[in-house]
């Protein structure tokens, strides 16, 4: 019996890119970012506990442009992961399973994440000035 070429499993070249795919991938990526950020937070707390020079070095690192970029990215990841987690809880409660609701909730999560992050940074910069 001759062997036939069987189709491969569906992959990104088969599917059209959709917001639901993007949101799922971003939820996983932000989870990884938050795990890394937890280690950075622990390092900052250890520097705080060590006092003096250790904390000064940590504060200088976080105040640098790269440190500020890291903190902004961490804040954005935290906001996104939080709002997308709430979206998943709403799904668990049985809300939002229609296609238009998927799209509306996805765009809402994206917008709220950006707005929430900007508000946090505006308030933090105002408090630091």
C-alpha atoms as a PDB file:
ATOM      1  CA  UNK A   1       0.000   0.000   0.000  1.00  0.00           C
ATOM      2  CA  UNK A   2       1.547   3.314  -1.008  1.00  0.00           C
ATOM      3  CA  UNK A   3       2.038   5.898   1.727  1.00  0.00           C
ATOM      4  CA  UNK A   4       0.120   9.124   1.355  1.00  0.00           C
ATOM      5  CA  UNK A   5       1.358  12.488   2.486  1.00  0.00           C
ATOM      6  CA  UNK A   6      -0.820  13.383   5.406  1.00  0.00           C
ATOM      7  CA  UNK A   7      -1.563  17.016   6.209  1.00  0.00           C
ATOM      8  CA  UNK A   8       0.347  18.609   9.013  1.00  0.00           C
ATOM      9  CA  UNK A   9      -1.375  19.906  12.111  1.00  0.00           C
ATOM     10  CA  UNK A  10      -2.773  23.404  11.718  1.00  0.00           C
ATOM     11  CA  UNK A  11      -0.259  26.104  12.544  1.00  0.00           C
ATOM     12  CA  UNK A  12       0.192  29.846  12.188  1.00  0.00           C
ATOM     13  CA  UNK A  13       0.562  29.624   8.417  1.00  0.00           C
ATOM     14  CA  UNK A  14      -2.861  27.983   8.134  1.00  0.00           C
ATOM     15  CA  UNK A  15      -4.862  30.193  10.481  1.00  0.00           C
ATOM     16  CA  UNK A  16      -5.624  33.856   9.922  1.00  0.00           C
ATOM     17  CA  UNK A  17      -4.131  35.974  12.690  1.00  0.00           C
ATOM     18  CA  UNK A  18      -6.866  36.912  15.171  1.00  0.00           C
ATOM     19  CA  UNK A  19      -7.080  38.934  18.343  1.00  0.00           C
ATOM     20  CA  UNK A  20      -7.956  35.808  20.319  1.00  0.00           C
ATOM     21  CA  UNK A  21      -4.651  34.202  19.278  1.00  0.00           C
ATOM     22  CA  UNK A  22      -2.768  37.367  20.144  1.00  0.00           C
ATOM     23  CA  UNK A  23      -4.415  37.659  23.550  1.00  0.00           C
ATOM     24  CA  UNK A  24      -3.627  34.040  24.382  1.00  0.00           C
ATOM     25  CA  UNK A  25       0.010  34.366  23.372  1.00  0.00           C
ATOM     26  CA  UNK A  26       0.378  37.669  25.236  1.00  0.00           C
ATOM     27  CA  UNK A  27      -1.156  36.167  28.375  1.00  0.00           C
ATOM     28  CA  UNK A  28       1.522  33.482  28.381  1.00  0.00           C
ATOM     29  CA  UNK A  29       4.310  35.964  27.585  1.00  0.00           C
ATOM     30  CA  UNK A  30       3.222  38.359  30.341  1.00  0.00           C
ATOM     31  CA  UNK A  31       3.132  35.448  32.777  1.00  0.00           C
ATOM     32  CA  UNK A  32       6.780  34.733  31.993  1.00  0.00           C
ATOM     33  CA  UNK A  33       7.641  38.446  32.281  1.00  0.00           C
ATOM     34  CA  UNK A  34       5.934  38.629  35.665  1.00  0.00           C
ATOM     35  CA  UNK A  35       7.875  35.579  36.856  1.00  0.00           C
ATOM     36  CA  UNK A  36      11.134  37.281  35.893  1.00  0.00           C
ATOM     37  CA  UNK A  37       9.932  40.506  37.484  1.00  0.00           C
ATOM     38  CA  UNK A  38       9.263  38.633  40.723  1.00  0.00           C
ATOM     39  CA  UNK A  39      12.943  37.709  40.850  1.00  0.00           C
ATOM     40  CA  UNK A  40      13.892  41.339  40.207  1.00  0.00           C
ATOM     41  CA  UNK A  41      11.530  42.424  42.998  1.00  0.00           C
ATOM     42  CA  UNK A  42      13.131  39.888  45.348  1.00  0.00           C
ATOM     43  CA  UNK A  43      16.587  41.214  44.419  1.00  0.00           C
ATOM     44  CA  UNK A  44      15.423  44.777  45.106  1.00  0.00           C
ATOM     45  CA  UNK A  45      14.008  43.725  48.504  1.00  0.00           C
ATOM     46  CA  UNK A  46      17.282  41.987  49.375  1.00  0.00           C
ATOM     47  CA  UNK A  47      19.170  45.155  48.451  1.00  0.00           C
ATOM     48  CA  UNK A  48      16.766  47.149  50.618  1.00  0.00           C
ATOM     49  CA  UNK A  49      17.385  44.786  53.526  1.00  0.00           C
ATOM     50  CA  UNK A  50      21.153  44.970  53.013  1.00  0.00           C
ATOM     51  CA  UNK A  51      20.955  48.781  53.216  1.00  0.00           C
ATOM     52  CA  UNK A  52      23.477  51.425  52.241  1.00  0.00           C
ATOM     53  CA  UNK A  53      25.520  50.724  49.160  1.00  0.00           C
ATOM     54  CA  UNK A  54      23.474  47.716  47.990  1.00  0.00           C
ATOM     55  CA  UNK A  55      20.261  49.722  47.955  1.00  0.00           C
ATOM     56  CA  UNK A  56      21.957  52.717  46.321  1.00  0.00           C
ATOM     57  CA  UNK A  57      23.191  50.459  43.522  1.00  0.00           C
ATOM     58  CA  UNK A  58      19.727  48.920  43.044  1.00  0.00           C
ATOM     59  CA  UNK A  59      18.043  52.343  43.059  1.00  0.00           C
ATOM     60  CA  UNK A  60      20.561  53.685  40.544  1.00  0.00           C
ATOM     61  CA  UNK A  61      19.967  50.689  38.290  1.00  0.00           C
ATOM     62  CA  UNK A  62      16.182  51.138  38.389  1.00  0.00           C
ATOM     63  CA  UNK A  63      16.491  54.884  37.784  1.00  0.00           C
ATOM     64  CA  UNK A  64      18.525  54.350  34.608  1.00  0.00           C
ATOM     65  CA  UNK A  65      16.731  54.511  31.235  1.00  0.00           C
ATOM     66  CA  UNK A  66      16.987  50.725  30.872  1.00  0.00           C
ATOM     67  CA  UNK A  67      15.664  50.254  34.414  1.00  0.00           C
ATOM     68  CA  UNK A  68      12.760  52.595  33.701  1.00  0.00           C
ATOM     69  CA  UNK A  69      11.990  50.668  30.520  1.00  0.00           C
ATOM     70  CA  UNK A  70      12.023  47.424  32.511  1.00  0.00           C
ATOM     71  CA  UNK A  71       9.691  48.888  35.146  1.00  0.00           C
ATOM     72  CA  UNK A  72       7.314  50.252  32.496  1.00  0.00           C
ATOM     73  CA  UNK A  73       7.243  46.861  30.736  1.00  0.00           C
ATOM     74  CA  UNK A  74       6.663  45.100  34.050  1.00  0.00           C
ATOM     75  CA  UNK A  75       3.786  47.471  34.856  1.00  0.00           C
ATOM     76  CA  UNK A  76       2.245  46.919  31.422  1.00  0.00           C
ATOM     77  CA  UNK A  77       2.620  43.132  31.760  1.00  0.00           C
ATOM     78  CA  UNK A  78       1.044  43.238  35.215  1.00  0.00           C
ATOM     79  CA  UNK A  79      -1.915  45.318  34.023  1.00  0.00           C
ATOM     80  CA  UNK A  80      -2.463  43.138  30.951  1.00  0.00           C
ATOM     81  CA  UNK A  81      -2.209  39.884  32.894  1.00  0.00           C
ATOM     82  CA  UNK A  82      -4.617  41.219  35.529  1.00  0.00           C
ATOM     83  CA  UNK A  83      -7.276  42.381  33.062  1.00  0.00           C
ATOM     84  CA  UNK A  84      -6.954  39.308  30.860  1.00  0.00           C
ATOM     85  CA  UNK A  85      -7.222  37.144  33.987  1.00  0.00           C
ATOM     86  CA  UNK A  86     -10.474  38.924  34.856  1.00  0.00           C
ATOM     87  CA  UNK A  87     -11.627  38.227  31.289  1.00  0.00           C
ATOM     88  CA  UNK A  88     -10.904  34.530  31.851  1.00  0.00           C
ATOM     89  CA  UNK A  89     -12.827  34.599  35.140  1.00  0.00           C
ATOM     90  CA  UNK A  90     -15.805  36.045  33.287  1.00  0.00           C
ATOM     91  CA  UNK A  91     -15.551  33.181  30.812  1.00  0.00           C
ATOM     92  CA  UNK A  92     -15.491  30.744  33.732  1.00  0.00           C
ATOM     93  CA  UNK A  93     -18.720  32.341  34.922  1.00  0.00           C
ATOM     94  CA  UNK A  94     -20.264  31.709  31.497  1.00  0.00           C
ATOM     95  CA  UNK A  95     -20.104  35.243  30.095  1.00  0.00           C
ATOM     96  CA  UNK A  96     -18.664  36.315  26.766  1.00  0.00           C
ATOM     97  CA  UNK A  97     -18.649  33.232  24.547  1.00  0.00           C
ATOM     98  CA  UNK A  98     -20.097  34.853  21.426  1.00  0.00           C
ATOM     99  CA  UNK A  99     -17.594  35.909  18.755  1.00  0.00           C
ATOM    100  CA  UNK A 100     -18.416  39.650  19.018  1.00  0.00           C
ATOM    101  CA  UNK A 101     -17.954  39.424  22.804  1.00  0.00           C
ATOM    102  CA  UNK A 102     -14.563  37.748  22.342  1.00  0.00           C
ATOM    103  CA  UNK A 103     -13.402  40.630  20.185  1.00  0.00           C
ATOM    104  CA  UNK A 104     -14.954  43.325  22.384  1.00  0.00           C
ATOM    105  CA  UNK A 105     -13.457  41.913  25.569  1.00  0.00           C
ATOM    106  CA  UNK A 106     -10.065  41.472  23.884  1.00  0.00           C
ATOM    107  CA  UNK A 107      -9.909  45.076  22.721  1.00  0.00           C
ATOM    108  CA  UNK A 108     -11.193  46.223  26.114  1.00  0.00           C
ATOM    109  CA  UNK A 109      -8.396  44.334  27.887  1.00  0.00           C
ATOM    110  CA  UNK A 110      -5.798  45.842  25.539  1.00  0.00           C
ATOM    111  CA  UNK A 111      -7.118  49.386  26.003  1.00  0.00           C
ATOM    112  CA  UNK A 112      -7.498  49.085  29.784  1.00  0.00           C
ATOM    113  CA  UNK A 113      -3.967  47.709  30.086  1.00  0.00           C
ATOM    114  CA  UNK A 114      -2.461  50.678  28.281  1.00  0.00           C
ATOM    115  CA  UNK A 115      -4.640  53.254  30.082  1.00  0.00           C
ATOM    116  CA  UNK A 116      -4.059  51.685  33.504  1.00  0.00           C
ATOM    117  CA  UNK A 117      -0.283  51.563  32.926  1.00  0.00           C
ATOM    118  CA  UNK A 118      -0.162  55.186  31.795  1.00  0.00           C
ATOM    119  CA  UNK A 119      -2.232  56.319  34.792  1.00  0.00           C
ATOM    120  CA  UNK A 120       0.081  54.473  37.182  1.00  0.00           C
ATOM    121  CA  UNK A 121       3.147  56.074  35.605  1.00  0.00           C
ATOM    122  CA  UNK A 122       1.640  59.555  35.485  1.00  0.00           C
ATOM    123  CA  UNK A 123       0.680  59.337  39.158  1.00  0.00           C
ATOM    124  CA  UNK A 124       4.078  57.868  40.084  1.00  0.00           C
ATOM    125  CA  UNK A 125       5.966  60.581  38.200  1.00  0.00           C
ATOM    126  CA  UNK A 126       3.782  63.266  39.784  1.00  0.00           C
ATOM    127  CA  UNK A 127       4.425  61.837  43.255  1.00  0.00           C
ATOM    128  CA  UNK A 128       8.160  61.627  42.621  1.00  0.00           C
ATOM    129  CA  UNK A 129       8.490  65.235  41.489  1.00  0.00           C
END
